[in-house]
PDB file of N, CA and C in Angstrom:
ATOM      1  N   MET A   1      -0.932 -35.603   9.058  1.00  0.00           N
ATOM      2  CA  MET A   1      -0.369 -35.809  10.366  1.00  0.00           C
ATOM      3  C   MET A   1      -1.484 -35.736  11.408  1.00  0.00           C
ATOM      4  N   SER A   2      -1.500 -36.691  12.308  1.00  0.00           N
ATOM      5  CA  SER A   2      -2.470 -36.689  13.405  1.00  0.00           C
ATOM      6  C   SER A   2      -1.957 -35.803  14.531  1.00  0.00           C
ATOM      7  N   LEU A   3      -2.900 -35.197  15.253  1.00  0.00           N
ATOM      8  CA  LEU A   3      -2.564 -34.274  16.334  1.00  0.00           C
ATOM      9  C   LEU A   3      -3.396 -34.583  17.575  1.00  0.00           C
ATOM     10  N   VAL A   4      -2.807 -34.285  18.730  1.00  0.00           N
ATOM     11  CA  VAL A   4      -3.557 -34.201  19.981  1.00  0.00           C
ATOM     12  C   VAL A   4      -3.490 -32.734  20.379  1.00  0.00           C
ATOM     13  N   VAL A   5      -4.649 -32.122  20.538  1.00  0.00           N
ATOM     14  CA  VAL A   5      -4.729 -30.700  20.864  1.00  0.00           C
ATOM     15  C   VAL A   5      -5.220 -30.569  22.295  1.00  0.00           C
ATOM     16  N   MET A   6      -4.467 -29.834  23.094  1.00  0.00           N
ATOM     17  CA  MET A   6      -4.840 -29.600  24.492  1.00  0.00           C
ATOM     18  C   MET A   6      -5.486 -28.222  24.607  1.00  0.00           C
ATOM     19  N   VAL A   7      -6.655 -28.197  25.242  1.00  0.00           N
ATOM     20  CA  VAL A   7      -7.386 -26.950  25.454  1.00  0.00           C
ATOM     21  C   VAL A   7      -7.956 -26.997  26.874  1.00  0.00           C
ATOM     22  N   THR A   8      -7.744 -25.935  27.637  1.00  0.00           N
ATOM     23  CA  THR A   8      -8.386 -25.840  28.944  1.00  0.00           C
ATOM     24  C   THR A   8      -9.611 -24.948  28.807  1.00  0.00           C
ATOM     25  N   VAL A   9     -10.647 -25.289  29.577  1.00  0.00           N
ATOM     26  CA  VAL A   9     -11.930 -24.588  29.483  1.00  0.00           C
ATOM     27  C   VAL A   9     -12.586 -24.602  30.863  1.00  0.00           C
ATOM     28  N   PRO A  10     -13.405 -23.605  31.188  1.00  0.00           N
ATOM     29  CA  PRO A  10     -14.143 -23.674  32.444  1.00  0.00           C
ATOM     30  C   PRO A  10     -14.999 -24.946  32.465  1.00  0.00           C
ATOM     31  N   PRO A  11     -15.107 -25.602  33.604  1.00  0.00           N
ATOM     32  CA  PRO A  11     -15.841 -26.867  33.673  1.00  0.00           C
ATOM     33  C   PRO A  11     -17.255 -26.802  33.092  1.00  0.00           C
ATOM     34  N   ALA A  12     -17.955 -25.706  33.288  1.00  0.00           N
ATOM     35  CA  ALA A  12     -19.343 -25.613  32.831  1.00  0.00           C
ATOM     36  C   ALA A  12     -19.473 -25.656  31.312  1.00  0.00           C
ATOM     37  N   GLY A  13     -18.426 -25.274  30.566  1.00  0.00           N
ATOM     38  CA  GLY A  13     -18.521 -25.243  29.114  1.00  0.00           C
ATOM     39  C   GLY A  13     -17.820 -26.378  28.400  1.00  0.00           C
ATOM     40  N   ALA A  14     -17.221 -27.286  29.136  1.00  0.00           N
ATOM     41  CA  ALA A  14     -16.386 -28.328  28.528  1.00  0.00           C
ATOM     42  C   ALA A  14     -17.176 -29.263  27.619  1.00  0.00           C
ATOM     43  N   ALA A  15     -18.269 -29.797  28.091  1.00  0.00           N
ATOM     44  CA  ALA A  15     -19.029 -30.778  27.308  1.00  0.00           C
ATOM     45  C   ALA A  15     -19.591 -30.156  26.040  1.00  0.00           C
ATOM     46  N   GLU A  16     -20.081 -28.937  26.120  1.00  0.00           N
ATOM     47  CA  GLU A  16     -20.642 -28.271  24.947  1.00  0.00           C
ATOM     48  C   GLU A  16     -19.574 -28.042  23.872  1.00  0.00           C
ATOM     49  N   LEU A  17     -18.398 -27.589  24.277  1.00  0.00           N
ATOM     50  CA  LEU A  17     -17.316 -27.368  23.318  1.00  0.00           C
ATOM     51  C   LEU A  17     -16.862 -28.698  22.710  1.00  0.00           C
ATOM     52  N   ALA A  18     -16.689 -29.717  23.546  1.00  0.00           N
ATOM     53  CA  ALA A  18     -16.262 -31.032  23.060  1.00  0.00           C
ATOM     54  C   ALA A  18     -17.264 -31.600  22.059  1.00  0.00           C
ATOM     55  N   ARG A  19     -18.529 -31.541  22.392  1.00  0.00           N
ATOM     56  CA  ARG A  19     -19.572 -32.070  21.504  1.00  0.00           C
ATOM     57  C   ARG A  19     -19.600 -31.300  20.184  1.00  0.00           C
ATOM     58  N   GLY A  20     -19.463 -29.997  20.241  1.00  0.00           N
ATOM     59  CA  GLY A  20     -19.453 -29.187  19.022  1.00  0.00           C
ATOM     60  C   GLY A  20     -18.310 -29.558  18.098  1.00  0.00           C
ATOM     61  N   LEU A  21     -17.137 -29.814  18.659  1.00  0.00           N
ATOM     62  CA  LEU A  21     -15.980 -30.205  17.847  1.00  0.00           C
ATOM     63  C   LEU A  21     -16.223 -31.529  17.137  1.00  0.00           C
ATOM     64  N   VAL A  22     -16.809 -32.482  17.849  1.00  0.00           N
ATOM     65  CA  VAL A  22     -17.079 -33.799  17.245  1.00  0.00           C
ATOM     66  C   VAL A  22     -18.222 -33.691  16.234  1.00  0.00           C
ATOM     67  N   GLU A  23     -19.280 -32.976  16.582  1.00  0.00           N
ATOM     68  CA  GLU A  23     -20.415 -32.838  15.661  1.00  0.00           C
ATOM     69  C   GLU A  23     -20.013 -32.188  14.345  1.00  0.00           C
ATOM     70  N   HIS A  24     -19.078 -31.247  14.386  1.00  0.00           N
ATOM     71  CA  HIS A  24     -18.614 -30.560  13.178  1.00  0.00           C
ATOM     72  C   HIS A  24     -17.455 -31.287  12.488  1.00  0.00           C
ATOM     73  N   ARG A  25     -17.161 -32.496  12.955  1.00  0.00           N
ATOM     74  CA  ARG A  25     -16.089 -33.331  12.381  1.00  0.00           C
ATOM     75  C   ARG A  25     -14.718 -32.649  12.423  1.00  0.00           C
ATOM     76  N   LEU A  26     -14.526 -31.832  13.447  1.00  0.00           N
ATOM     77  CA  LEU A  26     -13.222 -31.201  13.659  1.00  0.00           C
ATOM     78  C   LEU A  26     -12.369 -32.054  14.579  1.00  0.00           C
ATOM     79  N   ALA A  27     -13.005 -32.958  15.308  1.00  0.00           N
ATOM     80  CA  ALA A  27     -12.326 -33.884  16.211  1.00  0.00           C
ATOM     81  C   ALA A  27     -12.963 -35.254  16.066  1.00  0.00           C
ATOM     82  N   GLY A  28     -12.129 -36.286  16.113  1.00  0.00           N
ATOM     83  CA  GLY A  28     -12.648 -37.647  16.119  1.00  0.00           C
ATOM     84  C   GLY A  28     -13.198 -37.995  17.479  1.00  0.00           C
ATOM     85  N   CYS A  29     -12.513 -37.532  18.510  1.00  0.00           N
ATOM     86  CA  CYS A  29     -12.980 -37.706  19.877  1.00  0.00           C
ATOM     87  C   CYS A  29     -12.307 -36.666  20.759  1.00  0.00           C
ATOM     88  N   VAL A  30     -12.926 -36.430  21.897  1.00  0.00           N
ATOM     89  CA  VAL A  30     -12.410 -35.476  22.872  1.00  0.00           C
ATOM     90  C   VAL A  30     -12.517 -36.113  24.248  1.00  0.00           C
ATOM     91  N   ASN A  31     -11.390 -36.212  24.943  1.00  0.00           N
ATOM     92  CA  ASN A  31     -11.402 -36.652  26.338  1.00  0.00           C
ATOM     93  C   ASN A  31     -11.518 -35.407  27.211  1.00  0.00           C
ATOM     94  N   MET A  32     -12.406 -35.460  28.195  1.00  0.00           N
ATOM     95  CA  MET A  32     -12.587 -34.351  29.127  1.00  0.00           C
ATOM     96  C   MET A  32     -12.019 -34.774  30.478  1.00  0.00           C
ATOM     97  N   LEU A  33     -10.973 -34.095  30.914  1.00  0.00           N
ATOM     98  CA  LEU A  33     -10.336 -34.400  32.188  1.00  0.00           C
ATOM     99  C   LEU A  33     -10.660 -33.288  33.182  1.00  0.00           C
ATOM    100  N   PRO A  34     -11.686 -33.499  34.019  1.00  0.00           N
ATOM    101  CA  PRO A  34     -12.078 -32.469  34.985  1.00  0.00           C
ATOM    102  C   PRO A  34     -11.096 -32.419  36.152  1.00  0.00           C
ATOM    103  N   GLY A  35     -11.237 -31.383  36.944  1.00  0.00           N
ATOM    104  CA  GLY A  35     -10.454 -31.294  38.180  1.00  0.00           C
ATOM    105  C   GLY A  35      -9.070 -30.708  38.019  1.00  0.00           C
ATOM    106  N   VAL A  36      -8.803 -30.074  36.892  1.00  0.00           N
ATOM    107  CA  VAL A  36      -7.507 -29.421  36.692  1.00  0.00           C
ATOM    108  C   VAL A  36      -7.546 -28.083  37.420  1.00  0.00           C
ATOM    109  N   GLN A  37      -6.514 -27.789  38.157  1.00  0.00           N
ATOM    110  CA  GLN A  37      -6.390 -26.503  38.833  1.00  0.00           C
ATOM    111  C   GLN A  37      -5.262 -25.747  38.143  1.00  0.00           C
ATOM    112  N   THR A  38      -5.557 -24.602  37.543  1.00  0.00           N
ATOM    113  CA  THR A  38      -4.593 -23.863  36.738  1.00  0.00           C
ATOM    114  C   THR A  38      -4.173 -22.584  37.446  1.00  0.00           C
ATOM    115  N   VAL A  39      -2.872 -22.347  37.489  1.00  0.00           N
ATOM    116  CA  VAL A  39      -2.296 -21.113  38.011  1.00  0.00           C
ATOM    117  C   VAL A  39      -1.689 -20.380  36.825  1.00  0.00           C
ATOM    118  N   TYR A  40      -2.030 -19.107  36.661  1.00  0.00           N
ATOM    119  CA  TYR A  40      -1.567 -18.357  35.495  1.00  0.00           C
ATOM    120  C   TYR A  40      -1.474 -16.877  35.838  1.00  0.00           C
ATOM    121  N   ARG A  41      -0.823 -16.141  34.950  1.00  0.00           N
ATOM    122  CA  ARG A  41      -0.721 -14.693  35.118  1.00  0.00           C
ATOM    123  C   ARG A  41      -1.640 -14.045  34.096  1.00  0.00           C
ATOM    124  N   TRP A  42      -2.498 -13.123  34.552  1.00  0.00           N
ATOM    125  CA  TRP A  42      -3.398 -12.406  33.653  1.00  0.00           C
ATOM    126  C   TRP A  42      -3.604 -10.995  34.192  1.00  0.00           C
ATOM    127  N   GLY A  43      -3.427 -10.015  33.342  1.00  0.00           N
ATOM    128  CA  GLY A  43      -3.614  -8.624  33.762  1.00  0.00           C
ATOM    129  C   GLY A  43      -2.665  -8.205  34.863  1.00  0.00           C
ATOM    130  N   GLY A  44      -1.455  -8.760  34.854  1.00  0.00           N
ATOM    131  CA  GLY A  44      -0.460  -8.403  35.849  1.00  0.00           C
ATOM    132  C   GLY A  44      -0.630  -9.082  37.193  1.00  0.00           C
ATOM    133  N   GLU A  45      -1.630  -9.929  37.323  1.00  0.00           N
ATOM    134  CA  GLU A  45      -1.901 -10.620  38.584  1.00  0.00           C
ATOM    135  C   GLU A  45      -1.777 -12.129  38.393  1.00  0.00           C
ATOM    136  N   VAL A  46      -1.453 -12.822  39.478  1.00  0.00           N
ATOM    137  CA  VAL A  46      -1.445 -14.278  39.459  1.00  0.00           C
ATOM    138  C   VAL A  46      -2.836 -14.750  39.871  1.00  0.00           C
ATOM    139  N   ALA A  47      -3.411 -15.627  39.066  1.00  0.00           N
ATOM    140  CA  ALA A  47      -4.766 -16.125  39.308  1.00  0.00           C
ATOM    141  C   ALA A  47      -4.741 -17.646  39.373  1.00  0.00           C
ATOM    142  N   GLU A  48      -5.777 -18.215  39.926  1.00  0.00           N
ATOM    143  CA  GLU A  48      -5.913 -19.662  40.021  1.00  0.00           C
ATOM    144  C   GLU A  48      -7.386 -20.009  39.820  1.00  0.00           C
ATOM    145  N   GLU A  49      -7.646 -20.956  38.920  1.00  0.00           N
ATOM    146  CA  GLU A  49      -9.019 -21.315  38.584  1.00  0.00           C
ATOM    147  C   GLU A  49      -9.143 -22.816  38.344  1.00  0.00           C
ATOM    148  N   PRO A  50     -10.305 -23.391  38.652  1.00  0.00           N
ATOM    149  CA  PRO A  50     -10.567 -24.781  38.246  1.00  0.00           C
ATOM    150  C   PRO A  50     -10.887 -24.809  36.751  1.00  0.00           C
ATOM    151  N   GLU A  51     -10.394 -25.824  36.069  1.00  0.00           N
ATOM    152  CA  GLU A  51     -10.645 -25.974  34.644  1.00  0.00           C
ATOM    153  C   GLU A  51     -10.816 -27.445  34.307  1.00  0.00           C
ATOM    154  N   THR A  52     -11.283 -27.692  33.094  1.00  0.00           N
ATOM    155  CA  THR A  52     -11.316 -29.030  32.520  1.00  0.00           C
ATOM    156  C   THR A  52     -10.350 -29.020  31.349  1.00  0.00           C
ATOM    157  N   LEU A  53      -9.498 -30.031  31.275  1.00  0.00           N
ATOM    158  CA  LEU A  53      -8.560 -30.163  30.170  1.00  0.00           C
ATOM    159  C   LEU A  53      -9.196 -31.036  29.097  1.00  0.00           C
ATOM    160  N   LEU A  54      -9.266 -30.525  27.881  1.00  0.00           N
ATOM    161  CA  LEU A  54      -9.748 -31.291  26.746  1.00  0.00           C
ATOM    162  C   LEU A  54      -8.555 -31.835  25.974  1.00  0.00           C
ATOM    163  N   LEU A  55      -8.563 -33.129  25.699  1.00  0.00           N
ATOM    164  CA  LEU A  55      -7.574 -33.759  24.825  1.00  0.00           C
ATOM    165  C   LEU A  55      -8.314 -34.102  23.542  1.00  0.00           C
ATOM    166  N   ILE A  56      -8.017 -33.352  22.509  1.00  0.00           N
ATOM    167  CA  ILE A  56      -8.758 -33.407  21.247  1.00  0.00           C
ATOM    168  C   ILE A  56      -7.915 -34.142  20.210  1.00  0.00           C
ATOM    169  N   LYS A  57      -8.495 -35.171  19.597  1.00  0.00           N
ATOM    170  CA  LYS A  57      -7.792 -35.904  18.541  1.00  0.00           C
ATOM    171  C   LYS A  57      -8.295 -35.432  17.191  1.00  0.00           C
ATOM    172  N   THR A  58      -7.349 -34.975  16.340  1.00  0.00           N
ATOM    173  CA  THR A  58      -7.694 -34.452  15.025  1.00  0.00           C
ATOM    174  C   THR A  58      -6.530 -34.703  14.080  1.00  0.00           C
ATOM    175  N   ASN A  59      -6.558 -34.050  12.922  1.00  0.00           N
ATOM    176  CA  ASN A  59      -5.414 -34.139  12.014  1.00  0.00           C
ATOM    177  C   ASN A  59      -5.044 -32.748  11.514  1.00  0.00           C
ATOM    178  N   GLY A  60      -3.913 -32.670  10.845  1.00  0.00           N
ATOM    179  CA  GLY A  60      -3.414 -31.381  10.388  1.00  0.00           C
ATOM    180  C   GLY A  60      -4.332 -30.691   9.396  1.00  0.00           C
ATOM    181  N   GLU A  61      -5.040 -31.480   8.605  1.00  0.00           N
ATOM    182  CA  GLU A  61      -5.958 -30.913   7.611  1.00  0.00           C
ATOM    183  C   GLU A  61      -7.115 -30.181   8.280  1.00  0.00           C
ATOM    184  N   ARG A  62      -7.614 -30.707   9.376  1.00  0.00           N
ATOM    185  CA  ARG A  62      -8.771 -30.116  10.068  1.00  0.00           C
ATOM    186  C   ARG A  62      -8.371 -29.066  11.110  1.00  0.00           C
ATOM    187  N   TYR A  63      -7.063 -29.020  11.443  1.00  0.00           N
ATOM    188  CA  TYR A  63      -6.614 -28.147  12.534  1.00  0.00           C
ATOM    189  C   TYR A  63      -6.990 -26.672  12.353  1.00  0.00           C
ATOM    190  N   PRO A  64      -6.754 -26.046  11.186  1.00  0.00           N
ATOM    191  CA  PRO A  64      -7.084 -24.614  11.098  1.00  0.00           C
ATOM    192  C   PRO A  64      -8.545 -24.309  11.425  1.00  0.00           C
ATOM    193  N   GLU A  65      -9.466 -25.151  10.936  1.00  0.00           N
ATOM    194  CA  GLU A  65     -10.875 -24.933  11.230  1.00  0.00           C
ATOM    195  C   GLU A  65     -11.181 -25.228  12.701  1.00  0.00           C
ATOM    196  N   LEU A  66     -10.527 -26.247  13.270  1.00  0.00           N
ATOM    197  CA  LEU A  66     -10.688 -26.557  14.684  1.00  0.00           C
ATOM    198  C   LEU A  66     -10.265 -25.365  15.539  1.00  0.00           C
ATOM    199  N   GLU A  67      -9.132 -24.763  15.211  1.00  0.00           N
ATOM    200  CA  GLU A  67      -8.654 -23.605  15.977  1.00  0.00           C
ATOM    201  C   GLU A  67      -9.646 -22.447  15.871  1.00  0.00           C
ATOM    202  N   ARG A  68     -10.156 -22.191  14.675  1.00  0.00           N
ATOM    203  CA  ARG A  68     -11.151 -21.126  14.498  1.00  0.00           C
ATOM    204  C   ARG A  68     -12.405 -21.403  15.332  1.00  0.00           C
ATOM    205  N   PHE A  69     -12.872 -22.647  15.301  1.00  0.00           N
ATOM    206  CA  PHE A  69     -14.068 -23.017  16.049  1.00  0.00           C
ATOM    207  C   PHE A  69     -13.848 -22.781  17.547  1.00  0.00           C
ATOM    208  N   ILE A  70     -12.701 -23.207  18.052  1.00  0.00           N
ATOM    209  CA  ILE A  70     -12.421 -23.017  19.483  1.00  0.00           C
ATOM    210  C   ILE A  70     -12.413 -21.535  19.818  1.00  0.00           C
ATOM    211  N   LYS A  71     -11.732 -20.727  19.028  1.00  0.00           N
ATOM    212  CA  LYS A  71     -11.662 -19.289  19.306  1.00  0.00           C
ATOM    213  C   LYS A  71     -13.042 -18.633  19.271  1.00  0.00           C
ATOM    214  N   GLU A  72     -13.919 -19.099  18.377  1.00  0.00           N
ATOM    215  CA  GLU A  72     -15.265 -18.531  18.267  1.00  0.00           C
ATOM    216  C   GLU A  72     -16.188 -18.959  19.405  1.00  0.00           C
ATOM    217  N   HIS A  73     -15.949 -20.143  19.996  1.00  0.00           N
ATOM    218  CA  HIS A  73     -16.871 -20.686  20.987  1.00  0.00           C
ATOM    219  C   HIS A  73     -16.308 -20.746  22.404  1.00  0.00           C
ATOM    220  N   HIS A  74     -15.069 -20.355  22.579  1.00  0.00           N
ATOM    221  CA  HIS A  74     -14.420 -20.422  23.896  1.00  0.00           C
ATOM    222  C   HIS A  74     -14.666 -19.121  24.648  1.00  0.00           C
ATOM    223  N   PRO A  75     -14.929 -19.184  25.949  1.00  0.00           N
ATOM    224  CA  PRO A  75     -15.223 -17.960  26.690  1.00  0.00           C
ATOM    225  C   PRO A  75     -13.998 -17.098  27.005  1.00  0.00           C
ATOM    226  N   TYR A  76     -12.795 -17.633  26.883  1.00  0.00           N
ATOM    227  CA  TYR A  76     -11.607 -16.864  27.232  1.00  0.00           C
ATOM    228  C   TYR A  76     -11.178 -15.958  26.081  1.00  0.00           C
ATOM    229  N   GLU A  77     -10.629 -14.826  26.422  1.00  0.00           N
ATOM    230  CA  GLU A  77     -10.073 -13.910  25.431  1.00  0.00           C
ATOM    231  C   GLU A  77      -8.894 -14.556  24.691  1.00  0.00           C
ATOM    232  N   VAL A  78      -8.068 -15.295  25.436  1.00  0.00           N
ATOM    233  CA  VAL A  78      -6.916 -16.000  24.860  1.00  0.00           C
ATOM    234  C   VAL A  78      -6.970 -17.454  25.330  1.00  0.00           C
ATOM    235  N   PRO A  79      -7.674 -18.313  24.607  1.00  0.00           N
ATOM    236  CA  PRO A  79      -7.731 -19.710  25.030  1.00  0.00           C
ATOM    237  C   PRO A  79      -6.405 -20.427  24.803  1.00  0.00           C
ATOM    238  N   GLU A  80      -6.132 -21.375  25.679  1.00  0.00           N
ATOM    239  CA  GLU A  80      -4.953 -22.235  25.502  1.00  0.00           C
ATOM    240  C   GLU A  80      -5.287 -23.258  24.420  1.00  0.00           C
ATOM    241  N   ILE A  81      -4.536 -23.213  23.330  1.00  0.00           N
ATOM    242  CA  ILE A  81      -4.700 -24.184  22.243  1.00  0.00           C
ATOM    243  C   ILE A  81      -3.291 -24.646  21.885  1.00  0.00           C
ATOM    244  N   VAL A  82      -2.949 -25.867  22.278  1.00  0.00           N
ATOM    245  CA  VAL A  82      -1.600 -26.402  22.054  1.00  0.00           C
ATOM    246  C   VAL A  82      -1.740 -27.718  21.301  1.00  0.00           C
ATOM    247  N   ALA A  83      -1.205 -27.768  20.083  1.00  0.00           N
ATOM    248  CA  ALA A  83      -1.285 -28.972  19.255  1.00  0.00           C
ATOM    249  C   ALA A  83       0.040 -29.716  19.292  1.00  0.00           C
ATOM    250  N   LEU A  84      -0.038 -31.006  19.562  1.00  0.00           N
ATOM    251  CA  LEU A  84       1.142 -31.867  19.601  1.00  0.00           C
ATOM    252  C   LEU A  84       1.020 -32.931  18.520  1.00  0.00           C
ATOM    253  N   PRO A  85       2.081 -33.136  17.743  1.00  0.00           N
ATOM    254  CA  PRO A  85       2.015 -34.181  16.722  1.00  0.00           C
ATOM    255  C   PRO A  85       2.014 -35.565  17.356  1.00  0.00           C
ATOM    256  N   VAL A  86       1.299 -36.482  16.726  1.00  0.00           N
ATOM    257  CA  VAL A  86       1.277 -37.873  17.177  1.00  0.00           C
ATOM    258  C   VAL A  86       2.422 -38.592  16.481  1.00  0.00           C
ATOM    259  N   ASP A  87       3.388 -39.026  17.253  1.00  0.00           N
ATOM    260  CA  ASP A  87       4.558 -39.708  16.695  1.00  0.00           C
ATOM    261  C   ASP A  87       4.222 -41.136  16.292  1.00  0.00           C
ATOM    262  N   ARG A  88       3.453 -41.821  17.124  1.00  0.00           N
ATOM    263  CA  ARG A  88       3.059 -43.208  16.846  1.00  0.00           C
ATOM    264  C   ARG A  88       1.645 -43.436  17.357  1.00  0.00           C
ATOM    265  N   ALA A  89       0.911 -44.240  16.602  1.00  0.00           N
ATOM    266  CA  ALA A  89      -0.424 -44.657  17.017  1.00  0.00           C
ATOM    267  C   ALA A  89      -0.761 -45.917  16.232  1.00  0.00           C
ATOM    268  N   SER A  90      -1.706 -46.686  16.737  1.00  0.00           N
ATOM    269  CA  SER A  90      -2.066 -47.908  16.027  1.00  0.00           C
ATOM    270  C   SER A  90      -2.685 -47.552  14.680  1.00  0.00           C
ATOM    271  N   PRO A  91      -2.393 -48.334  13.655  1.00  0.00           N
ATOM    272  CA  PRO A  91      -2.977 -48.071  12.333  1.00  0.00           C
ATOM    273  C   PRO A  91      -4.503 -48.078  12.366  1.00  0.00           C
ATOM    274  N   GLU A  92      -5.085 -48.941  13.191  1.00  0.00           N
ATOM    275  CA  GLU A  92      -6.538 -49.019  13.291  1.00  0.00           C
ATOM    276  C   GLU A  92      -7.119 -47.707  13.846  1.00  0.00           C
ATOM    277  N   PHE A  93      -6.474 -47.170  14.868  1.00  0.00           N
ATOM    278  CA  PHE A  93      -6.935 -45.908  15.446  1.00  0.00           C
ATOM    279  C   PHE A  93      -6.825 -44.780  14.427  1.00  0.00           C
ATOM    280  N   LEU A  94      -5.703 -44.723  13.718  1.00  0.00           N
ATOM    281  CA  LEU A  94      -5.523 -43.651  12.735  1.00  0.00           C
ATOM    282  C   LEU A  94      -6.552 -43.741  11.609  1.00  0.00           C
ATOM    283  N   ARG A  95      -6.877 -44.948  11.164  1.00  0.00           N
ATOM    284  CA  ARG A  95      -7.914 -45.114  10.143  1.00  0.00           C
ATOM    285  C   ARG A  95      -9.264 -44.630  10.676  1.00  0.00           C
ATOM    286  N   TRP A  96      -9.573 -45.035  11.906  1.00  0.00           N
ATOM    287  CA  TRP A  96     -10.830 -44.595  12.515  1.00  0.00           C
ATOM    288  C   TRP A  96     -10.862 -43.076  12.650  1.00  0.00           C
ATOM    289  N   LEU A  97      -9.772 -42.480  13.137  1.00  0.00           N
ATOM    290  CA  LEU A  97      -9.716 -41.035  13.328  1.00  0.00           C
ATOM    291  C   LEU A  97      -9.933 -40.318  12.013  1.00  0.00           C
ATOM    292  N   ASN A  98      -9.204 -40.690  10.988  1.00  0.00           N
ATOM    293  CA  ASN A  98      -9.352 -40.013   9.700  1.00  0.00           C
ATOM    294  C   ASN A  98     -10.746 -40.215   9.113  1.00  0.00           C
ATOM    295  N   GLY A  99     -11.324 -41.400   9.308  1.00  0.00           N
ATOM    296  CA  GLY A  99     -12.702 -41.625   8.858  1.00  0.00           C
ATOM    297  C   GLY A  99     -13.696 -40.761   9.604  1.00  0.00           C
ATOM    298  N   SER A 100     -13.447 -40.536  10.897  1.00  0.00           N
ATOM    299  CA  SER A 100     -14.330 -39.709  11.718  1.00  0.00           C
ATOM    300  C   SER A 100     -14.283 -38.242  11.314  1.00  0.00           C
ATOM    301  N   LEU A 101     -13.172 -37.829  10.729  1.00  0.00           N
ATOM    302  CA  LEU A 101     -12.993 -36.423  10.350  1.00  0.00           C
ATOM    303  C   LEU A 101     -13.403 -36.162   8.911  1.00  0.00           C
ATOM    304  N   SER A 102     -13.679 -37.212   8.169  1.00  0.00           N
ATOM    305  CA  SER A 102     -13.999 -37.079   6.750  1.00  0.00           C
ATOM    306  C   SER A 102     -15.349 -36.381   6.563  1.00  0.00           C
ATOM    307  N   LEU A 103     -15.385 -35.444   5.647  1.00  0.00           N
ATOM    308  CA  LEU A 103     -16.616 -34.709   5.364  1.00  0.00           C
ATOM    309  C   LEU A 103     -17.494 -35.405   4.328  1.00  0.00           C
ATOM    310  N   SER A 104     -16.973 -36.464   3.717  1.00  0.00           N
ATOM    311  CA  SER A 104     -17.760 -37.138   2.676  1.00  0.00           C
ATOM    312  C   SER A 104     -18.575 -38.277   3.219  1.00  0.00           C
TER     313      SER A 104
END
């Protein structure tokens, strides 16, 4: 199953995390959407921070390692990692994605 994984990250670390995911074949590609303003509750307080949203394309087979990699390299104590299944995609894209994630 193909997945789109959403992860928010401080803008300064977005490119490094995205590149690491692709270099380790945990993601076929990562879109970086800068300019996200996030409002959240942390430590009993409401906070607001600028972030970059990463849209990570991967598959279910690579997901557990992708999640571990994000947790090891993300600066937040509790990073947002939300995986959504891909209901439909072009066959050509799915072939490319799976080829990009192949370790062989």
